[in-house]
């Protein structure tokens, strides 16, 4: 599924994005040429061109947002830390919920399936907070110590009902648990110490000889 999402994201961003940009350039060219004429009867037409150009701008922004939602480019180009920060910023802009991310220095390039899993767990956690938690703030941290990756997300909301974790209708939570298990990790979801909910994703990182080529510094933003 992640491979399909990446391919669709590239196609939307590259092909559809380029077509829309071409339309935008043509509209502005026509607008400039009509504006150079002194015929005032063209003003309503120019106004429509401006409106259409603004609509194309909005569409381009939507395409970029959808593409990033399918597969954020920062995850592949800049690494997990930058992708988490970018997602947190966009989440705060959309919801008004403050989201702070603390990233410890990472000295290795993470395998794609691991960075993708951590990102999706983070993304789904934010979605759950927005839908159910009635929170004002989210704090997240990412660290690697003794070859163990740990991602913690906490909020100051009303807290999760423990029965919801085992509820077969909680597809979002079940998906997070399955993602973690598929890469050999562990996910815990529990009420936080003071209030709200704490999500912890823990994963031992690979050390086998076949993975040595992955142990290179991860790009930082």
N, C-alpha and C. Protein backbone atom coordinates (compact mmCIF):
# COMPACT_ATOMS: atom_id res chain seq x y z
N UNK A 1 0.82 -1.21 0.00
CA UNK A 1 0.00 0.00 0.00
C UNK A 1 0.86 1.26 0.00
N UNK A 2 1.93 1.22 0.79
CA UNK A 2 2.80 2.40 0.85
C UNK A 2 3.48 2.65 -0.49
N UNK A 3 3.87 1.57 -1.19
CA UNK A 3 4.47 1.72 -2.51
C UNK A 3 3.47 2.35 -3.47
N UNK A 4 2.22 1.90 -3.41
CA UNK A 4 1.18 2.47 -4.28
C UNK A 4 0.95 3.94 -3.95
N UNK A 5 0.93 4.25 -2.66
CA UNK A 5 0.72 5.64 -2.26
C UNK A 5 1.85 6.54 -2.78
N UNK A 6 3.08 6.03 -2.71
CA UNK A 6 4.23 6.82 -3.19
C UNK A 6 4.13 7.07 -4.69
N UNK A 7 3.75 6.03 -5.45
CA UNK A 7 3.63 6.20 -6.89
C UNK A 7 2.51 7.16 -7.26
N UNK A 8 1.36 7.03 -6.59
CA UNK A 8 0.25 7.94 -6.86
C UNK A 8 0.62 9.36 -6.49
N UNK A 9 1.32 9.52 -5.37
CA UNK A 9 1.75 10.85 -4.94
C UNK A 9 2.63 11.51 -5.99
N UNK A 10 3.59 10.75 -6.53
CA UNK A 10 4.48 11.31 -7.56
C UNK A 10 3.71 11.69 -8.82
N UNK A 11 2.78 10.81 -9.22
CA UNK A 11 2.01 11.10 -10.43
C UNK A 11 1.15 12.35 -10.26
N UNK A 12 0.50 12.47 -9.11
CA UNK A 12 -0.33 13.65 -8.85
C UNK A 12 0.54 14.91 -8.84
N UNK A 13 1.65 14.84 -8.11
CA UNK A 13 2.50 16.02 -7.97
C UNK A 13 3.14 16.42 -9.29
N UNK A 14 3.69 15.43 -10.00
CA UNK A 14 4.45 15.74 -11.22
C UNK A 14 3.54 16.02 -12.41
N UNK A 15 2.68 15.07 -12.74
CA UNK A 15 1.88 15.21 -13.96
C UNK A 15 0.75 16.23 -13.80
N UNK A 16 -0.10 16.04 -12.80
CA UNK A 16 -1.21 16.97 -12.61
C UNK A 16 -0.69 18.35 -12.22
N UNK A 17 0.33 18.39 -11.38
CA UNK A 17 0.89 19.67 -10.97
C UNK A 17 1.45 20.45 -12.16
N UNK A 18 2.15 19.76 -13.05
CA UNK A 18 2.73 20.43 -14.22
C UNK A 18 1.63 20.93 -15.16
N UNK A 19 0.58 20.15 -15.34
CA UNK A 19 -0.51 20.58 -16.21
C UNK A 19 -1.19 21.83 -15.66
N UNK A 20 -1.44 21.84 -14.37
CA UNK A 20 -2.08 23.00 -13.76
C UNK A 20 -1.18 24.23 -13.83
N UNK A 21 0.11 24.03 -13.66
CA UNK A 21 1.05 25.14 -13.77
C UNK A 21 1.05 25.70 -15.19
N UNK A 22 0.97 24.81 -16.18
CA UNK A 22 0.90 25.26 -17.57
C UNK A 22 -0.35 26.07 -17.84
N UNK A 23 -1.49 25.61 -17.31
CA UNK A 23 -2.74 26.37 -17.46
C UNK A 23 -2.61 27.75 -16.81
N UNK A 24 -1.99 27.77 -15.62
CA UNK A 24 -1.81 29.03 -14.90
C UNK A 24 -0.98 30.02 -15.72
N UNK A 25 0.09 29.54 -16.32
CA UNK A 25 0.94 30.41 -17.14
C UNK A 25 0.20 30.95 -18.35
N UNK A 26 -0.60 30.11 -19.00
CA UNK A 26 -1.37 30.56 -20.16
C UNK A 26 -2.40 31.62 -19.77
N UNK A 27 -3.07 31.41 -18.64
CA UNK A 27 -4.07 32.37 -18.19
C UNK A 27 -3.44 33.73 -17.90
N UNK A 28 -2.28 33.72 -17.26
CA UNK A 28 -1.62 34.98 -16.95
C UNK A 28 -1.10 35.68 -18.20
N UNK A 29 -0.69 34.89 -19.19
CA UNK A 29 -0.25 35.48 -20.45
C UNK A 29 -1.41 36.19 -21.15
N UNK A 30 -2.58 35.52 -21.19
CA UNK A 30 -3.76 36.13 -21.80
C UNK A 30 -4.17 37.38 -21.02
N UNK A 31 -4.14 37.28 -19.70
CA UNK A 31 -4.51 38.43 -18.86
C UNK A 31 -3.60 39.62 -19.13
N UNK A 32 -2.29 39.38 -19.24
CA UNK A 32 -1.34 40.47 -19.50
C UNK A 32 -1.61 41.12 -20.85
N UNK A 33 -1.87 40.30 -21.87
CA UNK A 33 -2.08 40.85 -23.21
C UNK A 33 -3.38 41.65 -23.29
N UNK A 34 -4.41 41.18 -22.62
CA UNK A 34 -5.67 41.93 -22.63
C UNK A 34 -5.55 43.21 -21.82
N UNK A 35 -4.78 43.17 -20.74
CA UNK A 35 -4.62 44.36 -19.90
C UNK A 35 -3.88 45.46 -20.62
N UNK A 36 -3.05 45.11 -21.62
CA UNK A 36 -2.30 46.12 -22.37
C UNK A 36 -3.19 46.91 -23.32
N UNK A 37 -4.36 46.39 -23.62
CA UNK A 37 -5.28 47.08 -24.52
C UNK A 37 -6.09 48.11 -23.74
N UNK A 38 -6.49 49.15 -24.44
CA UNK A 38 -7.23 50.23 -23.80
C UNK A 38 -8.74 50.06 -23.95
N UNK A 39 -9.17 48.92 -24.41
CA UNK A 39 -10.59 48.66 -24.59
C UNK A 39 -11.22 48.28 -23.25
N UNK A 40 -12.01 49.18 -22.69
CA UNK A 40 -12.59 48.93 -21.36
C UNK A 40 -13.66 47.84 -21.40
N UNK A 41 -14.17 47.54 -22.56
CA UNK A 41 -15.17 46.47 -22.64
C UNK A 41 -14.57 45.11 -22.29
N UNK A 42 -13.24 45.05 -22.30
CA UNK A 42 -12.57 43.79 -21.95
C UNK A 42 -12.44 43.59 -20.43
N UNK A 43 -12.75 44.62 -19.66
CA UNK A 43 -12.55 44.52 -18.20
C UNK A 43 -13.29 43.34 -17.55
N UNK A 44 -14.57 43.10 -17.91
CA UNK A 44 -15.25 41.94 -17.31
C UNK A 44 -14.54 40.62 -17.64
N UNK A 45 -14.04 40.53 -18.88
CA UNK A 45 -13.32 39.32 -19.27
C UNK A 45 -12.02 39.17 -18.48
N UNK A 46 -11.32 40.29 -18.27
CA UNK A 46 -10.08 40.25 -17.49
C UNK A 46 -10.37 39.83 -16.05
N UNK A 47 -11.49 40.35 -15.51
CA UNK A 47 -11.88 39.97 -14.14
C UNK A 47 -12.12 38.46 -14.04
N UNK A 48 -12.77 37.90 -15.06
CA UNK A 48 -13.01 36.45 -15.06
C UNK A 48 -11.70 35.68 -15.15
N UNK A 49 -10.76 36.19 -15.95
CA UNK A 49 -9.46 35.53 -16.05
C UNK A 49 -8.75 35.53 -14.70
N UNK A 50 -8.83 36.65 -13.99
CA UNK A 50 -8.21 36.73 -12.67
C UNK A 50 -8.85 35.73 -11.71
N UNK A 51 -10.18 35.65 -11.73
CA UNK A 51 -10.88 34.69 -10.87
C UNK A 51 -10.47 33.26 -11.20
N UNK A 52 -10.39 32.97 -12.50
CA UNK A 52 -10.00 31.62 -12.92
C UNK A 52 -8.57 31.31 -12.50
N UNK A 53 -7.69 32.30 -12.63
CA UNK A 53 -6.30 32.12 -12.22
C UNK A 53 -6.20 31.84 -10.73
N UNK A 54 -7.00 32.53 -9.93
CA UNK A 54 -7.01 32.29 -8.48
C UNK A 54 -7.55 30.90 -8.17
N UNK A 55 -8.54 30.45 -8.94
CA UNK A 55 -9.08 29.11 -8.75
C UNK A 55 -8.03 28.05 -9.06
N UNK A 56 -7.25 28.28 -10.12
CA UNK A 56 -6.17 27.34 -10.45
C UNK A 56 -5.13 27.32 -9.34
N UNK A 57 -4.81 28.50 -8.78
CA UNK A 57 -3.87 28.56 -7.65
C UNK A 57 -4.37 27.69 -6.50
N UNK A 58 -5.67 27.81 -6.19
CA UNK A 58 -6.26 27.01 -5.11
C UNK A 58 -6.16 25.53 -5.42
N UNK A 59 -6.40 25.17 -6.69
CA UNK A 59 -6.32 23.77 -7.10
C UNK A 59 -4.90 23.23 -6.97
N UNK A 60 -3.92 24.04 -7.36
CA UNK A 60 -2.52 23.62 -7.22
C UNK A 60 -2.18 23.36 -5.76
N UNK A 61 -2.63 24.24 -4.88
CA UNK A 61 -2.39 24.04 -3.45
C UNK A 61 -3.04 22.76 -2.95
N UNK A 62 -4.25 22.46 -3.46
CA UNK A 62 -4.94 21.23 -3.07
C UNK A 62 -4.18 20.00 -3.56
N UNK A 63 -3.68 20.07 -4.79
CA UNK A 63 -2.90 18.96 -5.34
C UNK A 63 -1.66 18.70 -4.49
N UNK A 64 -0.98 19.77 -4.11
CA UNK A 64 0.22 19.63 -3.28
C UNK A 64 -0.13 19.03 -1.93
N UNK A 65 -1.24 19.46 -1.35
CA UNK A 65 -1.65 18.94 -0.05
C UNK A 65 -2.01 17.46 -0.14
N UNK A 66 -2.77 17.10 -1.18
CA UNK A 66 -3.15 15.69 -1.36
C UNK A 66 -1.92 14.82 -1.61
N UNK A 67 -1.01 15.31 -2.43
CA UNK A 67 0.21 14.57 -2.73
C UNK A 67 1.03 14.34 -1.47
N UNK A 68 1.17 15.40 -0.65
CA UNK A 68 1.93 15.28 0.58
C UNK A 68 1.25 14.34 1.57
N UNK A 69 -0.09 14.33 1.55
CA UNK A 69 -0.81 13.43 2.44
C UNK A 69 -0.60 11.97 2.08
N UNK A 70 -0.49 11.70 0.78
CA UNK A 70 -0.25 10.33 0.35
C UNK A 70 1.16 9.88 0.70
N UNK A 71 2.13 10.75 0.49
CA UNK A 71 3.52 10.41 0.78
C UNK A 71 4.32 11.70 0.90
N UNK A 72 4.60 12.18 2.11
CA UNK A 72 5.33 13.44 2.26
C UNK A 72 6.74 13.33 1.69
N UNK A 73 7.10 14.27 0.83
CA UNK A 73 8.42 14.23 0.20
C UNK A 73 9.54 14.34 1.23
N UNK A 74 9.29 15.03 2.34
CA UNK A 74 10.32 15.18 3.38
C UNK A 74 10.73 13.83 3.95
N UNK A 75 9.82 12.87 3.97
CA UNK A 75 10.13 11.55 4.53
C UNK A 75 11.23 10.87 3.72
N UNK A 76 11.21 11.05 2.40
CA UNK A 76 12.22 10.44 1.55
C UNK A 76 13.45 11.33 1.37
N UNK A 77 13.25 12.64 1.36
CA UNK A 77 14.35 13.55 1.05
C UNK A 77 15.11 14.05 2.27
N UNK A 78 14.40 14.29 3.36
CA UNK A 78 15.03 14.89 4.54
C UNK A 78 15.04 13.99 5.77
N UNK A 79 14.28 12.91 5.75
CA UNK A 79 14.29 11.99 6.87
C UNK A 79 13.07 12.10 7.75
N UNK A 80 12.98 11.18 8.70
CA UNK A 80 11.80 11.06 9.55
C UNK A 80 11.59 12.30 10.40
N UNK A 81 12.66 12.83 11.00
CA UNK A 81 12.52 13.98 11.87
C UNK A 81 11.87 15.17 11.18
N UNK A 82 12.35 15.49 9.99
CA UNK A 82 11.80 16.62 9.23
C UNK A 82 10.35 16.36 8.84
N UNK A 83 10.03 15.11 8.49
CA UNK A 83 8.65 14.77 8.11
C UNK A 83 7.71 14.93 9.30
N UNK A 84 8.15 14.54 10.48
CA UNK A 84 7.31 14.69 11.67
C UNK A 84 7.07 16.16 11.98
N UNK A 85 8.12 16.98 11.88
CA UNK A 85 7.96 18.41 12.14
C UNK A 85 6.99 19.05 11.13
N UNK A 86 7.16 18.68 9.86
CA UNK A 86 6.28 19.23 8.83
C UNK A 86 4.83 18.83 9.06
N UNK A 87 4.61 17.58 9.41
CA UNK A 87 3.24 17.11 9.67
C UNK A 87 2.64 17.84 10.87
N UNK A 88 3.46 18.05 11.91
CA UNK A 88 2.98 18.76 13.11
C UNK A 88 2.57 20.18 12.78
N UNK A 89 3.37 20.86 11.95
CA UNK A 89 3.04 22.24 11.57
C UNK A 89 1.74 22.30 10.78
N UNK A 90 1.58 21.40 9.83
CA UNK A 90 0.36 21.40 9.03
C UNK A 90 -0.85 21.05 9.90
N UNK A 91 -0.68 20.13 10.82
CA UNK A 91 -1.76 19.74 11.72
C UNK A 91 -2.20 20.93 12.57
N UNK A 92 -1.25 21.67 13.10
CA UNK A 92 -1.57 22.84 13.93
C UNK A 92 -2.31 23.89 13.12
N UNK A 93 -1.88 24.08 11.87
CA UNK A 93 -2.55 25.07 11.01
C UNK A 93 -4.00 24.66 10.73
N UNK A 94 -4.22 23.36 10.53
CA UNK A 94 -5.57 22.88 10.20
C UNK A 94 -6.50 22.90 11.41
N UNK A 95 -6.00 22.53 12.57
CA UNK A 95 -6.85 22.27 13.72
C UNK A 95 -6.78 23.34 14.81
N UNK A 96 -5.70 24.10 14.84
CA UNK A 96 -5.52 25.05 15.93
C UNK A 96 -4.96 24.42 17.19
N UNK A 97 -4.70 23.12 17.17
CA UNK A 97 -4.12 22.43 18.32
C UNK A 97 -2.60 22.57 18.25
N UNK A 98 -2.00 23.07 19.31
CA UNK A 98 -0.55 23.23 19.33
C UNK A 98 0.12 21.86 19.34
N UNK A 99 1.15 21.72 18.54
CA UNK A 99 1.84 20.43 18.42
C UNK A 99 3.34 20.68 18.42
N UNK A 100 4.02 20.12 19.40
CA UNK A 100 5.45 20.31 19.56
C UNK A 100 6.16 18.96 19.38
N UNK A 101 7.24 18.97 18.59
CA UNK A 101 7.98 17.74 18.30
C UNK A 101 9.44 17.94 18.69
N UNK A 102 9.95 17.05 19.51
CA UNK A 102 11.35 17.06 19.92
C UNK A 102 12.06 15.88 19.27
N UNK A 103 13.08 16.17 18.49
CA UNK A 103 13.80 15.14 17.76
C UNK A 103 15.23 15.04 18.31
N UNK A 104 15.58 13.89 18.86
CA UNK A 104 16.96 13.67 19.27
C UNK A 104 17.82 13.45 18.04
N UNK A 105 19.10 13.72 18.14
CA UNK A 105 19.99 13.56 17.00
C UNK A 105 20.04 12.09 16.57
N UNK A 106 19.83 11.89 15.27
CA UNK A 106 19.80 10.53 14.72
C UNK A 106 21.01 10.34 13.82
N UNK A 107 21.83 9.34 14.12
CA UNK A 107 23.08 9.13 13.41
C UNK A 107 23.01 7.98 12.41
N UNK A 108 21.83 7.62 12.00
CA UNK A 108 21.71 6.54 11.03
C UNK A 108 20.53 6.80 10.12
N UNK A 109 20.62 6.25 8.92
CA UNK A 109 19.51 6.33 7.97
C UNK A 109 18.58 5.16 8.26
N UNK A 110 17.35 5.46 8.52
CA UNK A 110 16.39 4.42 8.88
C UNK A 110 15.87 3.71 7.63
N UNK A 111 15.66 2.41 7.71
CA UNK A 111 15.04 1.70 6.58
C UNK A 111 13.68 2.31 6.27
N UNK A 112 13.32 2.37 4.99
CA UNK A 112 12.07 3.03 4.60
C UNK A 112 10.84 2.50 5.32
N UNK A 113 10.77 1.17 5.51
CA UNK A 113 9.57 0.62 6.14
C UNK A 113 9.44 1.06 7.60
N UNK A 114 10.59 1.31 8.25
CA UNK A 114 10.56 1.75 9.65
C UNK A 114 10.17 3.22 9.74
N UNK A 115 10.80 4.07 8.93
CA UNK A 115 10.46 5.49 8.97
C UNK A 115 9.01 5.71 8.55
N UNK A 116 8.53 4.93 7.59
CA UNK A 116 7.14 5.06 7.15
C UNK A 116 6.19 4.66 8.27
N UNK A 117 6.50 3.56 8.95
CA UNK A 117 5.64 3.11 10.05
C UNK A 117 5.58 4.14 11.16
N UNK A 118 6.73 4.67 11.56
CA UNK A 118 6.75 5.68 12.61
C UNK A 118 5.96 6.91 12.20
N UNK A 119 6.10 7.32 10.95
CA UNK A 119 5.37 8.50 10.47
C UNK A 119 3.87 8.25 10.48
N UNK A 120 3.43 7.09 10.02
CA UNK A 120 2.00 6.79 9.96
C UNK A 120 1.41 6.67 11.37
N UNK A 121 2.17 6.12 12.31
CA UNK A 121 1.71 6.06 13.70
C UNK A 121 1.51 7.48 14.23
N UNK A 122 2.48 8.36 13.95
CA UNK A 122 2.38 9.75 14.38
C UNK A 122 1.17 10.42 13.74
N UNK A 123 1.00 10.22 12.45
CA UNK A 123 -0.09 10.84 11.69
C UNK A 123 -1.44 10.39 12.24
N UNK A 124 -1.59 9.09 12.46
CA UNK A 124 -2.86 8.57 12.96
C UNK A 124 -3.13 9.03 14.39
N UNK A 125 -2.07 9.16 15.18
CA UNK A 125 -2.23 9.66 16.55
C UNK A 125 -2.77 11.08 16.54
N UNK A 126 -2.23 11.93 15.66
CA UNK A 126 -2.73 13.30 15.56
C UNK A 126 -4.19 13.32 15.13
N UNK A 127 -4.53 12.45 14.18
CA UNK A 127 -5.92 12.39 13.71
C UNK A 127 -6.85 12.00 14.85
N UNK A 128 -6.45 11.02 15.66
CA UNK A 128 -7.28 10.59 16.78
C UNK A 128 -7.46 11.71 17.81
N UNK A 129 -6.38 12.47 18.04
CA UNK A 129 -6.48 13.58 18.98
C UNK A 129 -7.49 14.61 18.47
N UNK A 130 -7.39 14.94 17.19
CA UNK A 130 -8.29 15.94 16.61
C UNK A 130 -9.74 15.49 16.67
N UNK A 131 -9.98 14.19 16.51
CA UNK A 131 -11.35 13.69 16.46
C UNK A 131 -11.97 13.48 17.84
N UNK A 132 -11.16 13.03 18.79
CA UNK A 132 -11.74 12.53 20.04
C UNK A 132 -11.24 13.19 21.33
N UNK A 133 -10.06 13.78 21.32
CA UNK A 133 -9.40 14.10 22.60
C UNK A 133 -9.83 15.41 23.23
N UNK A 134 -10.36 16.34 22.42
CA UNK A 134 -10.68 17.68 22.93
C UNK A 134 -9.43 18.31 23.58
N UNK A 135 -8.31 18.17 22.92
CA UNK A 135 -7.02 18.61 23.48
C UNK A 135 -6.65 19.99 22.96
N UNK A 136 -5.78 20.66 23.72
CA UNK A 136 -5.23 21.94 23.32
C UNK A 136 -3.77 21.82 22.88
N UNK A 137 -3.13 20.74 23.30
CA UNK A 137 -1.69 20.63 23.05
C UNK A 137 -1.29 19.16 22.87
N UNK A 138 -0.32 18.96 21.98
CA UNK A 138 0.29 17.64 21.77
C UNK A 138 1.79 17.79 21.88
N UNK A 139 2.42 16.85 22.58
CA UNK A 139 3.89 16.81 22.68
C UNK A 139 4.36 15.46 22.16
N UNK A 140 5.35 15.50 21.27
CA UNK A 140 5.89 14.26 20.70
C UNK A 140 7.41 14.29 20.77
N UNK A 141 7.99 13.11 20.90
CA UNK A 141 9.45 13.02 20.92
C UNK A 141 9.89 11.77 20.16
N UNK A 142 11.00 11.91 19.47
CA UNK A 142 11.59 10.79 18.72
C UNK A 142 13.04 10.65 19.14
N UNK A 143 13.44 9.43 19.49
CA UNK A 143 14.82 9.21 19.92
C UNK A 143 15.24 7.80 19.56
N UNK A 144 16.57 7.61 19.49
CA UNK A 144 17.15 6.28 19.31
C UNK A 144 18.24 6.11 20.36
N UNK A 145 18.07 5.12 21.21
CA UNK A 145 19.05 4.82 22.25
C UNK A 145 19.27 3.32 22.28
N UNK A 146 20.55 2.93 22.27
CA UNK A 146 20.91 1.49 22.29
C UNK A 146 20.19 0.73 21.19
N UNK A 147 20.17 1.32 19.98
CA UNK A 147 19.56 0.70 18.81
C UNK A 147 18.07 0.43 18.98
N UNK A 148 17.41 1.24 19.78
CA UNK A 148 15.96 1.14 19.96
C UNK A 148 15.33 2.49 19.63
N UNK A 149 14.47 2.48 18.66
CA UNK A 149 13.74 3.69 18.29
C UNK A 149 12.51 3.82 19.18
N UNK A 150 12.28 5.03 19.65
CA UNK A 150 11.10 5.27 20.47
C UNK A 150 10.43 6.57 20.05
N UNK A 151 9.15 6.47 19.76
CA UNK A 151 8.33 7.62 19.41
C UNK A 151 7.21 7.71 20.42
N UNK A 152 7.10 8.86 21.09
CA UNK A 152 6.07 9.06 22.12
C UNK A 152 5.23 10.26 21.74
N UNK A 153 3.91 10.09 21.77
CA UNK A 153 2.98 11.18 21.49
C UNK A 153 2.00 11.28 22.66
N UNK A 154 1.93 12.42 23.29
CA UNK A 154 0.99 12.64 24.39
C UNK A 154 0.14 13.88 24.12
N UNK A 155 -1.06 13.87 24.64
CA UNK A 155 -1.93 15.04 24.52
C UNK A 155 -2.52 15.37 25.88
N UNK A 156 -3.13 16.56 25.98
CA UNK A 156 -3.71 17.00 27.25
C UNK A 156 -5.23 16.96 27.21
N UNK A 157 -5.76 16.03 26.45
CA UNK A 157 -7.21 15.94 26.28
C UNK A 157 -7.91 15.16 27.37
N UNK A 158 -9.08 14.62 27.04
CA UNK A 158 -9.93 13.97 28.03
C UNK A 158 -9.47 12.55 28.34
N UNK A 159 -8.54 12.02 27.59
CA UNK A 159 -8.04 10.68 27.86
C UNK A 159 -8.84 9.61 27.14
N UNK A 160 -8.20 8.50 26.85
CA UNK A 160 -8.83 7.42 26.10
C UNK A 160 -9.52 6.45 27.05
N UNK A 161 -10.66 5.96 26.63
CA UNK A 161 -11.34 4.91 27.36
C UNK A 161 -10.62 3.59 27.07
N UNK A 162 -10.10 2.90 28.11
CA UNK A 162 -9.35 1.65 27.85
C UNK A 162 -10.11 0.64 27.01
N UNK A 163 -11.44 0.63 27.11
CA UNK A 163 -12.21 -0.33 26.31
C UNK A 163 -12.14 -0.03 24.82
N UNK A 164 -11.85 1.23 24.48
CA UNK A 164 -11.78 1.60 23.06
C UNK A 164 -10.58 0.97 22.37
N UNK A 165 -9.53 0.68 23.14
CA UNK A 165 -8.32 0.10 22.55
C UNK A 165 -8.60 -1.28 21.99
N UNK A 166 -9.48 -2.03 22.65
CA UNK A 166 -9.81 -3.39 22.21
C UNK A 166 -11.05 -3.44 21.33
N UNK A 167 -11.65 -2.30 21.08
CA UNK A 167 -12.88 -2.25 20.30
C UNK A 167 -12.59 -2.55 18.83
N UNK A 168 -13.21 -3.60 18.27
CA UNK A 168 -12.94 -3.93 16.86
C UNK A 168 -13.40 -2.86 15.89
N UNK A 169 -14.23 -1.92 16.37
CA UNK A 169 -14.67 -0.82 15.52
C UNK A 169 -13.64 0.31 15.47
N UNK A 170 -12.65 0.28 16.36
CA UNK A 170 -11.62 1.33 16.39
C UNK A 170 -10.56 1.03 15.34
N UNK A 171 -10.94 1.22 14.08
CA UNK A 171 -10.07 0.83 12.98
C UNK A 171 -8.75 1.58 12.99
N UNK A 172 -8.78 2.86 13.39
CA UNK A 172 -7.54 3.63 13.43
C UNK A 172 -6.54 3.05 14.41
N UNK A 173 -7.02 2.70 15.61
CA UNK A 173 -6.13 2.13 16.63
C UNK A 173 -5.64 0.76 16.19
N UNK A 174 -6.53 -0.04 15.64
CA UNK A 174 -6.13 -1.38 15.17
C UNK A 174 -5.08 -1.26 14.08
N UNK A 175 -5.26 -0.31 13.16
CA UNK A 175 -4.28 -0.12 12.10
C UNK A 175 -2.92 0.26 12.64
N UNK A 176 -2.88 1.11 13.68
CA UNK A 176 -1.61 1.49 14.30
C UNK A 176 -0.93 0.27 14.92
N UNK A 177 -1.70 -0.53 15.63
CA UNK A 177 -1.14 -1.73 16.27
C UNK A 177 -0.60 -2.70 15.22
N UNK A 178 -1.33 -2.86 14.12
CA UNK A 178 -0.89 -3.78 13.06
C UNK A 178 0.38 -3.26 12.39
N UNK A 179 0.44 -1.96 12.15
CA UNK A 179 1.64 -1.38 11.53
C UNK A 179 2.87 -1.64 12.40
N UNK A 180 2.72 -1.40 13.68
CA UNK A 180 3.85 -1.61 14.60
C UNK A 180 4.28 -3.07 14.60
N UNK A 181 3.32 -3.98 14.66
CA UNK A 181 3.64 -5.41 14.70
C UNK A 181 4.30 -5.87 13.40
N UNK A 182 3.91 -5.30 12.27
CA UNK A 182 4.45 -5.73 10.98
C UNK A 182 5.94 -5.46 10.83
N UNK A 183 6.47 -4.49 11.57
CA UNK A 183 7.92 -4.21 11.50
C UNK A 183 8.65 -4.70 12.75
N UNK A 184 7.96 -5.50 13.58
CA UNK A 184 8.59 -6.05 14.76
C UNK A 184 8.62 -5.10 15.94
N UNK A 185 7.76 -4.08 15.92
CA UNK A 185 7.73 -3.11 16.99
C UNK A 185 6.57 -3.35 17.94
N UNK A 186 6.49 -2.49 18.94
CA UNK A 186 5.43 -2.58 19.93
C UNK A 186 4.79 -1.21 20.09
N UNK A 187 3.46 -1.20 20.17
CA UNK A 187 2.72 0.05 20.35
C UNK A 187 1.86 -0.06 21.58
N UNK A 188 1.97 0.91 22.47
CA UNK A 188 1.11 0.96 23.64
C UNK A 188 0.30 2.25 23.61
N UNK A 189 -0.95 2.13 23.98
CA UNK A 189 -1.86 3.27 24.05
C UNK A 189 -2.50 3.24 25.42
N UNK A 190 -2.30 4.27 26.19
CA UNK A 190 -2.79 4.27 27.58
C UNK A 190 -3.09 5.70 28.02
N UNK A 191 -3.86 5.84 29.10
CA UNK A 191 -4.07 7.17 29.67
C UNK A 191 -2.73 7.75 30.13
N UNK A 192 -2.51 9.04 29.89
CA UNK A 192 -1.28 9.69 30.32
C UNK A 192 -1.28 9.86 31.84
N UNK A 193 -0.11 10.22 32.40
CA UNK A 193 0.03 10.30 33.86
C UNK A 193 -0.90 11.33 34.47
N UNK A 194 -0.97 12.53 33.89
CA UNK A 194 -1.81 13.57 34.45
C UNK A 194 -3.19 13.57 33.79
N UNK A 195 -3.23 13.83 32.50
CA UNK A 195 -4.47 13.75 31.75
C UNK A 195 -4.13 13.53 30.29
N UNK A 196 -5.14 13.14 29.53
CA UNK A 196 -4.89 12.88 28.12
C UNK A 196 -4.49 11.44 27.86
N UNK A 197 -3.88 11.24 26.69
CA UNK A 197 -3.50 9.90 26.24
C UNK A 197 -2.05 9.90 25.82
N UNK A 198 -1.38 8.78 26.06
CA UNK A 198 0.01 8.61 25.64
C UNK A 198 0.11 7.43 24.69
N UNK A 199 0.72 7.67 23.53
CA UNK A 199 0.98 6.61 22.54
C UNK A 199 2.49 6.44 22.46
N UNK A 200 2.96 5.21 22.64
CA UNK A 200 4.40 4.93 22.60
C UNK A 200 4.67 3.83 21.58
N UNK A 201 5.51 4.16 20.60
CA UNK A 201 5.94 3.19 19.59
C UNK A 201 7.41 2.88 19.83
N UNK A 202 7.72 1.61 20.10
CA UNK A 202 9.08 1.18 20.39
C UNK A 202 9.49 0.10 19.40
N UNK A 203 10.71 0.23 18.86
CA UNK A 203 11.14 -0.71 17.83
C UNK A 203 12.65 -0.94 17.91
N UNK A 204 13.09 -2.18 18.12
CA UNK A 204 14.52 -2.49 18.01
C UNK A 204 14.96 -2.36 16.55
N UNK A 205 16.03 -1.64 16.31
CA UNK A 205 16.51 -1.44 14.95
C UNK A 205 17.41 -2.58 14.51
N UNK A 206 17.43 -2.89 13.22
CA UNK A 206 18.20 -4.04 12.71
C UNK A 206 19.71 -3.82 12.83
N UNK A 207 20.43 -4.90 13.11
CA UNK A 207 21.88 -4.84 13.18
C UNK A 207 22.54 -5.88 12.29
N UNK A 208 21.75 -6.63 11.54
CA UNK A 208 22.31 -7.72 10.75
C UNK A 208 23.24 -7.18 9.67
N UNK A 209 24.23 -7.98 9.21
CA UNK A 209 25.17 -7.52 8.18
C UNK A 209 24.48 -7.03 6.93
N UNK A 210 23.32 -7.62 6.60
CA UNK A 210 22.62 -7.21 5.38
C UNK A 210 22.07 -5.80 5.48
N UNK A 211 22.01 -5.25 6.69
CA UNK A 211 21.47 -3.91 6.88
C UNK A 211 22.57 -2.88 7.12
N UNK A 212 23.84 -3.27 7.05
CA UNK A 212 24.92 -2.34 7.35
C UNK A 212 24.93 -1.14 6.43
N UNK A 213 24.50 -1.34 5.18
CA UNK A 213 24.52 -0.24 4.24
C UNK A 213 23.53 0.85 4.62
N UNK A 214 22.61 0.52 5.56
CA UNK A 214 21.63 1.52 6.00
C UNK A 214 22.12 2.37 7.16
N UNK A 215 23.24 1.98 7.77
CA UNK A 215 23.70 2.67 8.96
C UNK A 215 24.56 3.86 8.59
N UNK A 216 23.99 4.79 7.85
CA UNK A 216 24.65 6.04 7.47
C UNK A 216 23.86 7.19 8.05
N UNK A 217 24.48 8.35 8.23
CA UNK A 217 23.77 9.47 8.86
C UNK A 217 22.50 9.83 8.13
N UNK A 218 21.43 10.05 8.91
CA UNK A 218 20.16 10.47 8.33
C UNK A 218 20.20 11.97 8.08
N UNK A 219 19.69 12.44 6.92
CA UNK A 219 19.67 13.88 6.68
C UNK A 219 18.89 14.60 7.75
N UNK A 220 19.30 15.78 8.07
CA UNK A 220 18.59 16.60 9.05
C UNK A 220 18.06 17.85 8.38
N UNK A 221 16.97 18.35 8.91
CA UNK A 221 16.38 19.55 8.31
C UNK A 221 17.06 20.79 8.84
